Amino acid sequence: MERTTKVKDEVKFIYIAIVCVFLVVLGHFVLMKDIAYSAWAEATAAAIPFLLIGLGVAAVRLAATIDKKIPQQNESHCAPLYSFREAQFVSQR
């Protein structure tokens, strides 16, 4: 099978995954009994889900940009047999 992406691009996603795992582990440590009632711990625990969502959105955008860079070769096997509008017309019959 032919490689369609660069290793450098794939490593970026590994870094994002490692940061996400670090944030999840940090969230569990922040919510331990001894630390959970500190003011900074509450703010950190509240911010972690938003950081994870932001990283997810950034990863999807990065994947879309990388996908646009790849030259589209021989995608006829992926093309639909008919368009969405034609499918609606067929289903209305």
Protein backbone atom coordinates (compact mmCIF):
# COMPACT_ATOMS: atom_id res chain seq x y z
CA MET A 1 0.00 0.00 0.00
CA GLU A 2 1.33 3.41 -0.91
CA ARG A 3 2.06 5.93 1.85
CA THR A 4 -0.03 9.06 1.43
CA THR A 5 1.17 11.13 4.40
CA LYS A 6 4.55 12.20 5.68
CA VAL A 7 5.92 10.77 8.90
CA LYS A 8 6.44 14.33 10.18
CA ASP A 9 2.70 14.99 9.87
CA GLU A 10 1.82 11.78 11.69
CA VAL A 11 4.23 12.59 14.53
CA LYS A 12 2.29 15.82 15.14
CA PHE A 13 -0.77 13.72 15.96
CA ILE A 14 1.27 11.57 18.34
CA TYR A 15 2.32 14.74 20.19
CA ILE A 16 -1.29 15.85 20.42
CA ALA A 17 -2.30 12.42 21.76
CA ILE A 18 0.47 12.52 24.39
CA VAL A 19 -0.65 15.99 25.54
CA CYS A 20 -4.25 14.74 25.79
CA VAL A 21 -3.18 11.76 27.90
CA PHE A 22 -1.12 14.08 30.12
CA LEU A 23 -4.15 16.35 30.63
CA VAL A 24 -6.40 13.43 31.54
CA VAL A 25 -3.87 12.12 34.08
CA LEU A 26 -3.41 15.65 35.44
CA GLY A 27 -7.16 15.93 35.87
CA HIS A 28 -7.21 12.75 37.94
CA PHE A 29 -4.37 13.99 40.14
CA VAL A 30 -6.03 17.37 40.61
CA LEU A 31 -9.21 15.70 41.83
CA MET A 32 -7.44 13.74 44.59
CA LYS A 33 -8.79 14.35 48.13
CA ASP A 34 -5.83 16.36 49.38
CA ILE A 35 -5.75 18.78 46.44
CA ALA A 36 -9.36 18.89 45.24
CA TYR A 37 -10.53 21.77 47.42
CA SER A 38 -7.79 24.26 46.50
CA ALA A 39 -8.82 27.24 44.39
CA TRP A 40 -6.20 26.52 41.71
CA ALA A 41 -7.26 22.87 41.56
CA GLU A 42 -10.88 23.77 40.87
CA ALA A 43 -9.88 26.15 38.09
CA THR A 44 -7.51 23.58 36.60
CA ALA A 45 -10.12 20.82 36.77
CA ALA A 46 -12.65 23.11 35.08
CA ALA A 47 -10.25 24.10 32.30
CA ILE A 48 -9.05 20.61 31.34
CA PRO A 49 -12.18 19.54 29.37
CA PHE A 50 -12.07 22.76 27.36
CA LEU A 51 -8.39 22.23 26.59
CA LEU A 52 -9.15 18.68 25.43
CA ILE A 53 -11.96 19.92 23.19
CA GLY A 54 -9.65 22.60 21.79
CA LEU A 55 -6.94 20.04 21.08
CA GLY A 56 -9.50 17.82 19.34
CA VAL A 57 -10.67 20.68 17.13
CA ALA A 58 -7.07 21.63 16.35
CA ALA A 59 -6.26 18.01 15.44
CA VAL A 60 -9.24 17.80 13.07
CA ARG A 61 -8.26 21.09 11.41
CA LEU A 62 -4.67 19.89 11.07
CA ALA A 63 -5.87 16.64 9.53
CA ALA A 64 -8.03 18.58 7.06
CA THR A 65 -5.11 20.77 6.00
CA ILE A 66 -2.83 17.77 5.60
CA ASP A 67 -5.55 16.01 3.60
CA LYS A 68 -5.84 19.01 1.27
CA LYS A 69 -2.07 18.97 0.62
CA ILE A 70 -2.13 15.36 -0.58
CA PRO A 71 -2.58 15.13 -4.35
CA GLN A 72 -5.82 13.33 -5.10
CA GLN A 73 -4.87 10.38 -7.27
CA ASN A 74 -7.15 7.64 -8.53
CA GLU A 75 -10.12 8.29 -6.27
CA SER A 76 -12.60 6.87 -8.72
CA HIS A 77 -13.07 3.83 -6.48
CA CYS A 78 -14.35 6.16 -3.72
CA ALA A 79 -16.72 8.21 -5.84
CA PRO A 80 -20.44 7.69 -5.21
CA LEU A 81 -22.55 6.23 -7.98
CA TYR A 82 -24.92 9.19 -7.82
CA SER A 83 -25.07 12.49 -5.98
CA PHE A 84 -27.04 13.32 -2.84
CA ARG A 85 -29.71 15.17 -4.84
CA GLU A 86 -30.19 12.16 -7.08
CA ALA A 87 -30.53 9.98 -4.01
CA GLN A 88 -33.27 12.25 -2.66
CA PHE A 89 -35.07 12.12 -6.01
CA VAL A 90 -34.87 8.32 -6.06
CA SER A 91 -36.17 8.04 -2.49
CA GLN A 92 -39.18 10.28 -3.28
CA ARG A 93 -40.49 7.97 -5.98
